[in-house]
Amino acid sequence: MENQLEYYTETGKYRDKFDQGFPTMAAYTAFRQAVYKDGALNLKTKRLIALACGLMASCIRCVQGQARDAINAGATKDEILEAVAVAVIMGGTAVSAETWRVVKVLEELGKW
């Protein structure tokens, strides 16, 4: 089974290459950075929401990155599992089938 964080890092290089080749993506990058600043919601809460959204969207990189970023923002294993459970309730079997990725990222980070 592939290492989820290595996959995230390797595929990110190609996303970055695309961004460099299409300079308009700089506006999206600035928007993304602004969204994740503390505001009415703190960074940890935003990362937990983003993790659930990533699962709902079936976005592999989103799930990998947001699980890691939620931990880095101070989320606990239990908080992550609850956010994932909300996504499962909303998305059903298709979301449940991808929860293994979250568990694997948590294992890779030594949080499981």
PDB file of N, CA and C in Angstrom:
ATOM      1  N   MET A   1       0.866  -1.183   0.000  1.00  0.00           N
ATOM      2  CA  MET A   1       0.000   0.000   0.000  1.00  0.00           C
ATOM      3  C   MET A   1       0.903   1.233   0.000  1.00  0.00           C
ATOM      4  N   GLU A   2       0.603   2.147  -0.864  1.00  0.00           N
ATOM      5  CA  GLU A   2       1.459   3.323  -1.009  1.00  0.00           C
ATOM      6  C   GLU A   2       1.395   4.243   0.214  1.00  0.00           C
ATOM      7  N   ASN A   3       2.500   4.907   0.446  1.00  0.00           N
ATOM      8  CA  ASN A   3       2.581   5.890   1.506  1.00  0.00           C
ATOM      9  C   ASN A   3       1.779   7.118   1.078  1.00  0.00           C
ATOM     10  N   GLN A   4       0.785   7.474   1.856  1.00  0.00           N
ATOM     11  CA  GLN A   4      -0.122   8.558   1.491  1.00  0.00           C
ATOM     12  C   GLN A   4       0.575   9.911   1.450  1.00  0.00           C
ATOM     13  N   LEU A   5       1.454  10.166   2.406  1.00  0.00           N
ATOM     14  CA  LEU A   5       2.127  11.460   2.448  1.00  0.00           C
ATOM     15  C   LEU A   5       3.172  11.589   1.339  1.00  0.00           C
ATOM     16  N   GLU A   6       3.819  10.485   0.972  1.00  0.00           N
ATOM     17  CA  GLU A   6       4.739  10.525  -0.172  1.00  0.00           C
ATOM     18  C   GLU A   6       3.970  10.790  -1.458  1.00  0.00           C
ATOM     19  N   TYR A   7       2.827  10.130  -1.621  1.00  0.00           N
ATOM     20  CA  TYR A   7       1.972  10.353  -2.797  1.00  0.00           C
ATOM     21  C   TYR A   7       1.573  11.822  -2.870  1.00  0.00           C
ATOM     22  N   TYR A   8       1.174  12.385  -1.735  1.00  0.00           N
ATOM     23  CA  TYR A   8       0.764  13.784  -1.690  1.00  0.00           C
ATOM     24  C   TYR A   8       1.904  14.701  -2.119  1.00  0.00           C
ATOM     25  N   THR A   9       3.085  14.449  -1.589  1.00  0.00           N
ATOM     26  CA  THR A   9       4.241  15.277  -1.915  1.00  0.00           C
ATOM     27  C   THR A   9       4.625  15.154  -3.388  1.00  0.00           C
ATOM     28  N   GLU A  10       4.669  13.930  -3.896  1.00  0.00           N
ATOM     29  CA  GLU A  10       5.071  13.712  -5.287  1.00  0.00           C
ATOM     30  C   GLU A  10       4.074  14.317  -6.269  1.00  0.00           C
ATOM     31  N   THR A  11       2.791  14.103  -6.043  1.00  0.00           N
ATOM     32  CA  THR A  11       1.796  14.663  -6.967  1.00  0.00           C
ATOM     33  C   THR A  11       1.727  16.176  -6.845  1.00  0.00           C
ATOM     34  N   GLY A  12       2.059  16.688  -5.682  1.00  0.00           N
ATOM     35  CA  GLY A  12       2.084  18.135  -5.487  1.00  0.00           C
ATOM     36  C   GLY A  12       3.108  18.823  -6.368  1.00  0.00           C
ATOM     37  N   LYS A  13       4.189  18.133  -6.663  1.00  0.00           N
ATOM     38  CA  LYS A  13       5.211  18.696  -7.544  1.00  0.00           C
ATOM     39  C   LYS A  13       4.624  18.986  -8.925  1.00  0.00           C
ATOM     40  N   TYR A  14       3.752  18.106  -9.400  1.00  0.00           N
ATOM     41  CA  TYR A  14       3.134  18.309 -10.713  1.00  0.00           C
ATOM     42  C   TYR A  14       2.071  19.391 -10.666  1.00  0.00           C
ATOM     43  N   ARG A  15       1.362  19.474  -9.550  1.00  0.00           N
ATOM     44  CA  ARG A  15       0.411  20.570  -9.388  1.00  0.00           C
ATOM     45  C   ARG A  15       1.147  21.904  -9.401  1.00  0.00           C
ATOM     46  N   ASP A  16       2.283  21.950  -8.699  1.00  0.00           N
ATOM     47  CA  ASP A  16       3.094  23.168  -8.672  1.00  0.00           C
ATOM     48  C   ASP A  16       3.622  23.512 -10.061  1.00  0.00           C
ATOM     49  N   LYS A  17       4.002  22.495 -10.812  1.00  0.00           N
ATOM     50  CA  LYS A  17       4.496  22.709 -12.170  1.00  0.00           C
ATOM     51  C   LYS A  17       3.393  23.311 -13.040  1.00  0.00           C
ATOM     52  N   PHE A  18       2.170  22.794 -12.878  1.00  0.00           N
ATOM     53  CA  PHE A  18       1.034  23.364 -13.603  1.00  0.00           C
ATOM     54  C   PHE A  18       0.849  24.826 -13.219  1.00  0.00           C
ATOM     55  N   ASP A  19       0.878  25.097 -11.932  1.00  0.00           N
ATOM     56  CA  ASP A  19       0.695  26.470 -11.449  1.00  0.00           C
ATOM     57  C   ASP A  19       1.735  27.408 -12.053  1.00  0.00           C
ATOM     58  N   GLN A  20       2.971  26.934 -12.160  1.00  0.00           N
ATOM     59  CA  GLN A  20       4.036  27.759 -12.748  1.00  0.00           C
ATOM     60  C   GLN A  20       3.804  27.975 -14.237  1.00  0.00           C
ATOM     61  N   GLY A  21       3.251  26.959 -14.903  1.00  0.00           N
ATOM     62  CA  GLY A  21       3.005  27.059 -16.333  1.00  0.00           C
ATOM     63  C   GLY A  21       1.779  27.874 -16.685  1.00  0.00           C
ATOM     64  N   PHE A  22       0.928  28.089 -15.694  1.00  0.00           N
ATOM     65  CA  PHE A  22      -0.307  28.847 -15.905  1.00  0.00           C
ATOM     66  C   PHE A  22      -0.391  29.905 -14.811  1.00  0.00           C
ATOM     67  N   PRO A  23       0.255  31.049 -15.010  1.00  0.00           N
ATOM     68  CA  PRO A  23       0.428  32.068 -13.967  1.00  0.00           C
ATOM     69  C   PRO A  23      -0.864  32.576 -13.325  1.00  0.00           C
ATOM     70  N   THR A  24      -1.979  32.417 -13.986  1.00  0.00           N
ATOM     71  CA  THR A  24      -3.244  32.863 -13.400  1.00  0.00           C
ATOM     72  C   THR A  24      -3.544  32.114 -12.093  1.00  0.00           C
ATOM     73  N   MET A  25      -2.934  30.955 -11.918  1.00  0.00           N
ATOM     74  CA  MET A  25      -3.151  30.181 -10.690  1.00  0.00           C
ATOM     75  C   MET A  25      -2.644  30.926  -9.457  1.00  0.00           C
ATOM     76  N   ALA A  26      -1.815  31.935  -9.639  1.00  0.00           N
ATOM     77  CA  ALA A  26      -1.323  32.718  -8.501  1.00  0.00           C
ATOM     78  C   ALA A  26      -2.491  33.363  -7.751  1.00  0.00           C
ATOM     79  N   ALA A  27      -3.528  33.741  -8.478  1.00  0.00           N
ATOM     80  CA  ALA A  27      -4.702  34.336  -7.836  1.00  0.00           C
ATOM     81  C   ALA A  27      -5.407  33.302  -6.963  1.00  0.00           C
ATOM     82  N   TYR A  28      -5.495  32.078  -7.446  1.00  0.00           N
ATOM     83  CA  TYR A  28      -6.114  31.003  -6.657  1.00  0.00           C
ATOM     84  C   TYR A  28      -5.275  30.711  -5.416  1.00  0.00           C
ATOM     85  N   THR A  29      -3.968  30.682  -5.570  1.00  0.00           N
ATOM     86  CA  THR A  29      -3.077  30.432  -4.434  1.00  0.00           C
ATOM     87  C   THR A  29      -3.246  31.512  -3.371  1.00  0.00           C
ATOM     88  N   ALA A  30      -3.324  32.756  -3.785  1.00  0.00           N
ATOM     89  CA  ALA A  30      -3.529  33.861  -2.842  1.00  0.00           C
ATOM     90  C   ALA A  30      -4.882  33.720  -2.139  1.00  0.00           C
ATOM     91  N   PHE A  31      -5.908  33.349  -2.892  1.00  0.00           N
ATOM     92  CA  PHE A  31      -7.236  33.140  -2.315  1.00  0.00           C
ATOM     93  C   PHE A  31      -7.194  32.017  -1.275  1.00  0.00           C
ATOM     94  N   ARG A  32      -6.565  30.897  -1.636  1.00  0.00           N
ATOM     95  CA  ARG A  32      -6.478  29.753  -0.723  1.00  0.00           C
ATOM     96  C   ARG A  32      -5.757  30.148   0.563  1.00  0.00           C
ATOM     97  N   GLN A  33      -4.654  30.881   0.439  1.00  0.00           N
ATOM     98  CA  GLN A  33      -3.907  31.304   1.625  1.00  0.00           C
ATOM     99  C   GLN A  33      -4.746  32.230   2.503  1.00  0.00           C
ATOM    100  N   ALA A  34      -5.515  33.100   1.903  1.00  0.00           N
ATOM    101  CA  ALA A  34      -6.366  34.022   2.666  1.00  0.00           C
ATOM    102  C   ALA A  34      -7.483  33.268   3.391  1.00  0.00           C
ATOM    103  N   VAL A  35      -8.061  32.288   2.722  1.00  0.00           N
ATOM    104  CA  VAL A  35      -9.161  31.524   3.325  1.00  0.00           C
ATOM    105  C   VAL A  35      -8.702  30.802   4.588  1.00  0.00           C
ATOM    106  N   TYR A  36      -7.481  30.298   4.590  1.00  0.00           N
ATOM    107  CA  TYR A  36      -7.008  29.515   5.730  1.00  0.00           C
ATOM    108  C   TYR A  36      -6.447  30.355   6.876  1.00  0.00           C
ATOM    109  N   LYS A  37      -6.526  31.665   6.783  1.00  0.00           N
ATOM    110  CA  LYS A  37      -6.136  32.506   7.916  1.00  0.00           C
ATOM    111  C   LYS A  37      -7.247  32.471   8.966  1.00  0.00           C
ATOM    112  N   ASP A  38      -6.854  32.605  10.224  1.00  0.00           N
ATOM    113  CA  ASP A  38      -7.852  32.656  11.293  1.00  0.00           C
ATOM    114  C   ASP A  38      -8.795  33.821  11.050  1.00  0.00           C
ATOM    115  N   GLY A  39     -10.057  33.568  11.242  1.00  0.00           N
ATOM    116  CA  GLY A  39     -11.100  34.587  11.122  1.00  0.00           C
ATOM    117  C   GLY A  39     -12.193  34.219  12.105  1.00  0.00           C
ATOM    118  N   ALA A  40     -13.427  34.223  11.667  1.00  0.00           N
ATOM    119  CA  ALA A  40     -14.523  33.778  12.524  1.00  0.00           C
ATOM    120  C   ALA A  40     -14.316  32.312  12.916  1.00  0.00           C
ATOM    121  N   LEU A  41     -13.668  31.547  12.023  1.00  0.00           N
ATOM    122  CA  LEU A  41     -13.286  30.161  12.316  1.00  0.00           C
ATOM    123  C   LEU A  41     -11.762  30.098  12.398  1.00  0.00           C
ATOM    124  N   ASN A  42     -11.264  29.300  13.321  1.00  0.00           N
ATOM    125  CA  ASN A  42      -9.815  29.157  13.418  1.00  0.00           C
ATOM    126  C   ASN A  42      -9.312  28.140  12.381  1.00  0.00           C
ATOM    127  N   LEU A  43      -7.994  28.108  12.202  1.00  0.00           N
ATOM    128  CA  LEU A  43      -7.389  27.249  11.194  1.00  0.00           C
ATOM    129  C   LEU A  43      -7.746  25.784  11.409  1.00  0.00           C
ATOM    130  N   LYS A  44      -7.712  25.309  12.634  1.00  0.00           N
ATOM    131  CA  LYS A  44      -8.016  23.905  12.899  1.00  0.00           C
ATOM    132  C   LYS A  44      -9.421  23.557  12.425  1.00  0.00           C
ATOM    133  N   THR A  45     -10.386  24.395  12.748  1.00  0.00           N
ATOM    134  CA  THR A  45     -11.769  24.147  12.337  1.00  0.00           C
ATOM    135  C   THR A  45     -11.883  24.146  10.816  1.00  0.00           C
ATOM    136  N   LYS A  46     -11.214  25.091  10.173  1.00  0.00           N
ATOM    137  CA  LYS A  46     -11.251  25.158   8.707  1.00  0.00           C
ATOM    138  C   LYS A  46     -10.648  23.907   8.086  1.00  0.00           C
ATOM    139  N   ARG A  47      -9.565  23.401   8.652  1.00  0.00           N
ATOM    140  CA  ARG A  47      -8.930  22.185   8.117  1.00  0.00           C
ATOM    141  C   ARG A  47      -9.827  20.969   8.317  1.00  0.00           C
ATOM    142  N   LEU A  48     -10.530  20.896   9.427  1.00  0.00           N
ATOM    143  CA  LEU A  48     -11.467  19.783   9.643  1.00  0.00           C
ATOM    144  C   LEU A  48     -12.620  19.844   8.641  1.00  0.00           C
ATOM    145  N   ILE A  49     -13.131  21.032   8.400  1.00  0.00           N
ATOM    146  CA  ILE A  49     -14.182  21.202   7.393  1.00  0.00           C
ATOM    147  C   ILE A  49     -13.648  20.804   6.013  1.00  0.00           C
ATOM    148  N   ALA A  50     -12.441  21.266   5.703  1.00  0.00           N
ATOM    149  CA  ALA A  50     -11.841  20.956   4.401  1.00  0.00           C
ATOM    150  C   ALA A  50     -11.618  19.460   4.228  1.00  0.00           C
ATOM    151  N   LEU A  51     -11.247  18.779   5.300  1.00  0.00           N
ATOM    152  CA  LEU A  51     -11.080  17.324   5.236  1.00  0.00           C
ATOM    153  C   LEU A  51     -12.400  16.658   4.880  1.00  0.00           C
ATOM    154  N   ALA A  52     -13.467  17.052   5.561  1.00  0.00           N
ATOM    155  CA  ALA A  52     -14.789  16.482   5.259  1.00  0.00           C
ATOM    156  C   ALA A  52     -15.199  16.792   3.825  1.00  0.00           C
ATOM    157  N   CYS A  53     -14.952  18.011   3.382  1.00  0.00           N
ATOM    158  CA  CYS A  53     -15.281  18.395   2.000  1.00  0.00           C
ATOM    159  C   CYS A  53     -14.457  17.600   1.003  1.00  0.00           C
ATOM    160  N   GLY A  54     -13.186  17.401   1.299  1.00  0.00           N
ATOM    161  CA  GLY A  54     -12.322  16.612   0.414  1.00  0.00           C
ATOM    162  C   GLY A  54     -12.815  15.189   0.263  1.00  0.00           C
ATOM    163  N   LEU A  55     -13.252  14.603   1.363  1.00  0.00           N
ATOM    164  CA  LEU A  55     -13.833  13.258   1.290  1.00  0.00           C
ATOM    165  C   LEU A  55     -15.094  13.262   0.431  1.00  0.00           C
ATOM    166  N   MET A  56     -15.948  14.259   0.641  1.00  0.00           N
ATOM    167  CA  MET A  56     -17.187  14.361  -0.136  1.00  0.00           C
ATOM    168  C   MET A  56     -16.901  14.538  -1.630  1.00  0.00           C
ATOM    169  N   ALA A  57     -15.818  15.226  -1.955  1.00  0.00           N
ATOM    170  CA  ALA A  57     -15.473  15.497  -3.352  1.00  0.00           C
ATOM    171  C   ALA A  57     -14.663  14.352  -3.986  1.00  0.00           C
ATOM    172  N   SER A  58     -14.345  13.331  -3.207  1.00  0.00           N
ATOM    173  CA  SER A  58     -13.518  12.211  -3.685  1.00  0.00           C
ATOM    174  C   SER A  58     -12.159  12.687  -4.195  1.00  0.00           C
ATOM    175  N   CYS A  59     -11.586  13.658  -3.487  1.00  0.00           N
ATOM    176  CA  CYS A  59     -10.300  14.235  -3.872  1.00  0.00           C
ATOM    177  C   CYS A  59      -9.201  13.602  -3.022  1.00  0.00           C
ATOM    178  N   ILE A  60      -8.443  12.702  -3.619  1.00  0.00           N
ATOM    179  CA  ILE A  60      -7.405  11.978  -2.881  1.00  0.00           C
ATOM    180  C   ILE A  60      -6.408  12.941  -2.239  1.00  0.00           C
ATOM    181  N   ARG A  61      -5.869  13.874  -3.040  1.00  0.00           N
ATOM    182  CA  ARG A  61      -4.884  14.825  -2.503  1.00  0.00           C
ATOM    183  C   ARG A  61      -5.484  15.676  -1.393  1.00  0.00           C
ATOM    184  N   CYS A  62      -6.756  16.029  -1.530  1.00  0.00           N
ATOM    185  CA  CYS A  62      -7.411  16.829  -0.487  1.00  0.00           C
ATOM    186  C   CYS A  62      -7.450  16.057   0.826  1.00  0.00           C
ATOM    187  N   VAL A  63      -7.838  14.801   0.751  1.00  0.00           N
ATOM    188  CA  VAL A  63      -7.932  13.971   1.956  1.00  0.00           C
ATOM    189  C   VAL A  63      -6.566  13.838   2.608  1.00  0.00           C
ATOM    190  N   GLN A  64      -5.564  13.532   1.818  1.00  0.00           N
ATOM    191  CA  GLN A  64      -4.210  13.358   2.358  1.00  0.00           C
ATOM    192  C   GLN A  64      -3.702  14.656   2.981  1.00  0.00           C
ATOM    193  N   GLY A  65      -3.793  15.724   2.232  1.00  0.00           N
ATOM    194  CA  GLY A  65      -3.256  17.002   2.692  1.00  0.00           C
ATOM    195  C   GLY A  65      -4.032  17.599   3.843  1.00  0.00           C
ATOM    196  N   GLN A  66      -5.343  17.527   3.779  1.00  0.00           N
ATOM    197  CA  GLN A  66      -6.139  18.130   4.847  1.00  0.00           C
ATOM    198  C   GLN A  66      -6.040  17.339   6.143  1.00  0.00           C
ATOM    199  N   ALA A  67      -5.899  16.026   6.053  1.00  0.00           N
ATOM    200  CA  ALA A  67      -5.689  15.237   7.282  1.00  0.00           C
ATOM    201  C   ALA A  67      -4.379  15.660   7.938  1.00  0.00           C
ATOM    202  N   ARG A  68      -3.324  15.772   7.132  1.00  0.00           N
ATOM    203  CA  ARG A  68      -2.025  16.222   7.652  1.00  0.00           C
ATOM    204  C   ARG A  68      -2.122  17.648   8.190  1.00  0.00           C
ATOM    205  N   ASP A  69      -2.756  18.526   7.424  1.00  0.00           N
ATOM    206  CA  ASP A  69      -2.843  19.925   7.828  1.00  0.00           C
ATOM    207  C   ASP A  69      -3.709  20.111   9.075  1.00  0.00           C
ATOM    208  N   ALA A  70      -4.728  19.285   9.235  1.00  0.00           N
ATOM    209  CA  ALA A  70      -5.554  19.359  10.451  1.00  0.00           C
ATOM    210  C   ALA A  70      -4.716  18.994  11.675  1.00  0.00           C
ATOM    211  N   ILE A  71      -3.913  17.940  11.558  1.00  0.00           N
ATOM    212  CA  ILE A  71      -3.010  17.560  12.658  1.00  0.00           C
ATOM    213  C   ILE A  71      -2.045  18.705  12.946  1.00  0.00           C
ATOM    214  N   ASN A  72      -1.462  19.263  11.889  1.00  0.00           N
ATOM    215  CA  ASN A  72      -0.507  20.365  12.069  1.00  0.00           C
ATOM    216  C   ASN A  72      -1.162  21.597  12.685  1.00  0.00           C
ATOM    217  N   ALA A  73      -2.473  21.747  12.490  1.00  0.00           N
ATOM    218  CA  ALA A  73      -3.205  22.882  13.065  1.00  0.00           C
ATOM    219  C   ALA A  73      -3.687  22.590  14.488  1.00  0.00           C
ATOM    220  N   GLY A  74      -3.355  21.402  14.998  1.00  0.00           N
ATOM    221  CA  GLY A  74      -3.692  21.078  16.381  1.00  0.00           C
ATOM    222  C   GLY A  74      -4.867  20.152  16.574  1.00  0.00           C
ATOM    223  N   ALA A  75      -5.433  19.635  15.499  1.00  0.00           N
ATOM    224  CA  ALA A  75      -6.564  18.706  15.635  1.00  0.00           C
ATOM    225  C   ALA A  75      -6.085  17.393  16.248  1.00  0.00           C
ATOM    226  N   THR A  76      -6.931  16.817  17.062  1.00  0.00           N
ATOM    227  CA  THR A  76      -6.634  15.516  17.649  1.00  0.00           C
ATOM    228  C   THR A  76      -7.188  14.418  16.745  1.00  0.00           C
ATOM    229  N   LYS A  77      -6.737  13.220  16.995  1.00  0.00           N
ATOM    230  CA  LYS A  77      -7.263  12.057  16.271  1.00  0.00           C
ATOM    231  C   LYS A  77      -8.782  12.013  16.399  1.00  0.00           C
ATOM    232  N   ASP A  78      -9.296  12.213  17.605  1.00  0.00           N
ATOM    233  CA  ASP A  78     -10.745  12.142  17.813  1.00  0.00           C
ATOM    234  C   ASP A  78     -11.492  13.227  17.045  1.00  0.00           C
ATOM    235  N   GLU A  79     -10.929  14.430  16.987  1.00  0.00           N
ATOM    236  CA  GLU A  79     -11.568  15.503  16.214  1.00  0.00           C
ATOM    237  C   GLU A  79     -11.588  15.156  14.726  1.00  0.00           C
ATOM    238  N   ILE A  80     -10.510  14.597  14.244  1.00  0.00           N
ATOM    239  CA  ILE A  80     -10.464  14.195  12.839  1.00  0.00           C
ATOM    240  C   ILE A  80     -11.488  13.097  12.567  1.00  0.00           C
ATOM    241  N   LEU A  81     -11.546  12.110  13.441  1.00  0.00           N
ATOM    242  CA  LEU A  81     -12.505  11.024  13.231  1.00  0.00           C
ATOM    243  C   LEU A  81     -13.943  11.536  13.253  1.00  0.00           C
ATOM    244  N   GLU A  82     -14.245  12.493  14.100  1.00  0.00           N
ATOM    245  CA  GLU A  82     -15.601  13.057  14.120  1.00  0.00           C
ATOM    246  C   GLU A  82     -15.908  13.822  12.838  1.00  0.00           C
ATOM    247  N   ALA A  83     -14.943  14.588  12.344  1.00  0.00           N
ATOM    248  CA  ALA A  83     -15.151  15.312  11.084  1.00  0.00           C
ATOM    249  C   ALA A  83     -15.365  14.321   9.938  1.00  0.00           C
ATOM    250  N   VAL A  84     -14.596  13.254   9.933  1.00  0.00           N
ATOM    251  CA  VAL A  84     -14.746  12.222   8.907  1.00  0.00           C
ATOM    252  C   VAL A  84     -16.109  11.545   9.036  1.00  0.00           C
ATOM    253  N   ALA A  85     -16.545  11.300  10.259  1.00  0.00           N
ATOM    254  CA  ALA A  85     -17.857  10.675  10.471  1.00  0.00           C
ATOM    255  C   ALA A  85     -18.980  11.545   9.912  1.00  0.00           C
ATOM    256  N   VAL A  86     -18.859  12.865  10.051  1.00  0.00           N
ATOM    257  CA  VAL A  86     -19.861  13.767   9.476  1.00  0.00           C
ATOM    258  C   VAL A  86     -19.877  13.608   7.957  1.00  0.00           C
ATOM    259  N   ALA A  87     -18.700  13.535   7.351  1.00  0.00           N
ATOM    260  CA  ALA A  87     -18.632  13.349   5.899  1.00  0.00           C
ATOM    261  C   ALA A  87     -19.270  12.021   5.491  1.00  0.00           C
ATOM    262  N   VAL A  88     -19.038  10.973   6.278  1.00  0.00           N
ATOM    263  CA  VAL A  88     -19.635   9.665   5.975  1.00  0.00           C
ATOM    264  C   VAL A  88     -21.151   9.746   6.050  1.00  0.00           C
ATOM    265  N   ILE A  89     -21.673  10.413   7.077  1.00  0.00           N
ATOM    266  CA  ILE A  89     -23.134  10.563   7.199  1.00  0.00           C
ATOM    267  C   ILE A  89     -23.690  11.280   5.981  1.00  0.00           C
ATOM    268  N   MET A  90     -23.010  12.314   5.533  1.00  0.00           N
ATOM    269  CA  MET A  90     -23.497  13.104   4.397  1.00  0.00           C
ATOM    270  C   MET A  90     -23.284  12.398   3.060  1.00  0.00           C
ATOM    271  N   GLY A  91     -22.203  11.612   2.950  1.00  0.00           N
ATOM    272  CA  GLY A  91     -21.849  11.035   1.657  1.00  0.00           C
ATOM    273  C   GLY A  91     -22.032   9.537   1.523  1.00  0.00           C
ATOM    274  N   GLY A  92     -22.273   8.860   2.634  1.00  0.00           N
ATOM    275  CA  GLY A  92     -22.547   7.429   2.586  1.00  0.00           C
ATOM    276  C   GLY A  92     -21.354   6.554   2.235  1.00  0.00           C
ATOM    277  N   THR A  93     -21.654   5.468   1.549  1.00  0.00           N
ATOM    278  CA  THR A  93     -20.673   4.430   1.256  1.00  0.00           C
ATOM    279  C   THR A  93     -19.489   4.943   0.456  1.00  0.00           C
ATOM    280  N   ALA A  94     -19.716   5.829  -0.501  1.00  0.00           N
ATOM    281  CA  ALA A  94     -18.612   6.333  -1.323  1.00  0.00           C
ATOM    282  C   ALA A  94     -17.571   7.054  -0.462  1.00  0.00           C
ATOM    283  N   VAL A  95     -18.031   7.777   0.540  1.00  0.00           N
ATOM    284  CA  VAL A  95     -17.101   8.463   1.453  1.00  0.00           C
ATOM    285  C   VAL A  95     -16.485   7.457   2.414  1.00  0.00           C
ATOM    286  N   SER A  96     -17.293   6.561   2.933  1.00  0.00           N
ATOM    287  CA  SER A  96     -16.797   5.553   3.861  1.00  0.00           C
ATOM    288  C   SER A  96     -15.666   4.735   3.248  1.00  0.00           C
ATOM    289  N   ALA A  97     -15.755   4.484   1.952  1.00  0.00           N
ATOM    290  CA  ALA A  97     -14.745   3.681   1.264  1.00  0.00           C
ATOM    291  C   ALA A  97     -13.375   4.354   1.242  1.00  0.00           C
ATOM    292  N   GLU A  98     -13.314   5.654   1.428  1.00  0.00           N
ATOM    293  CA  GLU A  98     -12.040   6.377   1.380  1.00  0.00           C
ATOM    294  C   GLU A  98     -11.512   6.763   2.758  1.00  0.00           C
ATOM    295  N   THR A  99     -12.214   6.395   3.817  1.00  0.00           N
ATOM    296  CA  THR A  99     -11.752   6.766   5.160  1.00  0.00           C
ATOM    297  C   THR A  99     -10.419   6.115   5.514  1.00  0.00           C
ATOM    298  N   TRP A 100     -10.090   5.021   4.850  1.00  0.00           N
ATOM    299  CA  TRP A 100      -8.814   4.346   5.113  1.00  0.00           C
ATOM    300  C   TRP A 100      -7.641   5.291   4.892  1.00  0.00           C
ATOM    301  N   ARG A 101      -7.792   6.207   3.936  1.00  0.00           N
ATOM    302  CA  ARG A 101      -6.693   7.135   3.659  1.00  0.00           C
ATOM    303  C   ARG A 101      -6.398   8.019   4.874  1.00  0.00           C
ATOM    304  N   VAL A 102      -7.435   8.419   5.560  1.00  0.00           N
ATOM    305  CA  VAL A 102      -7.261   9.253   6.752  1.00  0.00           C
ATOM    306  C   VAL A 102      -6.543   8.445   7.836  1.00  0.00           C
ATOM    307  N   VAL A 103      -6.970   7.216   8.035  1.00  0.00           N
ATOM    308  CA  VAL A 103      -6.328   6.353   9.025  1.00  0.00           C
ATOM    309  C   VAL A 103      -4.854   6.160   8.675  1.00  0.00           C
ATOM    310  N   LYS A 104      -4.572   5.929   7.401  1.00  0.00           N
ATOM    311  CA  LYS A 104      -3.188   5.714   6.969  1.00  0.00           C
ATOM    312  C   LYS A 104      -2.337   6.962   7.192  1.00  0.00           C
ATOM    313  N   VAL A 105      -2.866   8.147   6.876  1.00  0.00           N
ATOM    314  CA  VAL A 105      -2.123   9.388   7.127  1.00  0.00           C
ATOM    315  C   VAL A 105      -1.858   9.535   8.618  1.00  0.00           C
ATOM    316  N   LEU A 106      -2.857   9.280   9.441  1.00  0.00           N
ATOM    317  CA  LEU A 106      -2.669   9.374  10.892  1.00  0.00           C
ATOM    318  C   LEU A 106      -1.601   8.389  11.357  1.00  0.00           C
ATOM    319  N   GLU A 107      -1.598   7.177  10.810  1.00  0.00           N
ATOM    320  CA  GLU A 107      -0.551   6.217  11.141  1.00  0.00           C
ATOM    321  C   GLU A 107       0.819   6.739  10.733  1.00  0.00           C
ATOM    322  N   GLU A 108       0.908   7.275   9.521  1.00  0.00           N
ATOM    323  CA  GLU A 108       2.187   7.778   9.015  1.00  0.00           C
ATOM    324  C   GLU A 108       2.716   8.938   9.855  1.00  0.00           C
ATOM    325  N   LEU A 109       1.803   9.691  10.449  1.00  0.00           N
ATOM    326  CA  LEU A 109       2.197  10.815  11.309  1.00  0.00           C
ATOM    327  C   LEU A 109       2.391  10.396  12.764  1.00  0.00           C
ATOM    328  N   GLY A 110       2.172   9.105  13.054  1.00  0.00           N
ATOM    329  CA  GLY A 110       2.316   8.597  14.417  1.00  0.00           C
ATOM    330  C   GLY A 110       1.190   9.038  15.335  1.00  0.00           C
ATOM    331  N   LYS A 111       0.021   9.323  14.761  1.00  0.00           N
ATOM    332  CA  LYS A 111      -1.114   9.803  15.546  1.00  0.00           C
ATOM    333  C   LYS A 111      -2.199   8.751  15.719  1.00  0.00           C
ATOM    334  N   TRP A 112      -1.989   7.544  15.231  1.00  0.00           N
ATOM    335  CA  TRP A 112      -2.979   6.469  15.384  1.00  0.00           C
ATOM    336  C   TRP A 112      -2.412   5.419  16.309  1.00  0.00           C
TER     337      TRP A 112
END
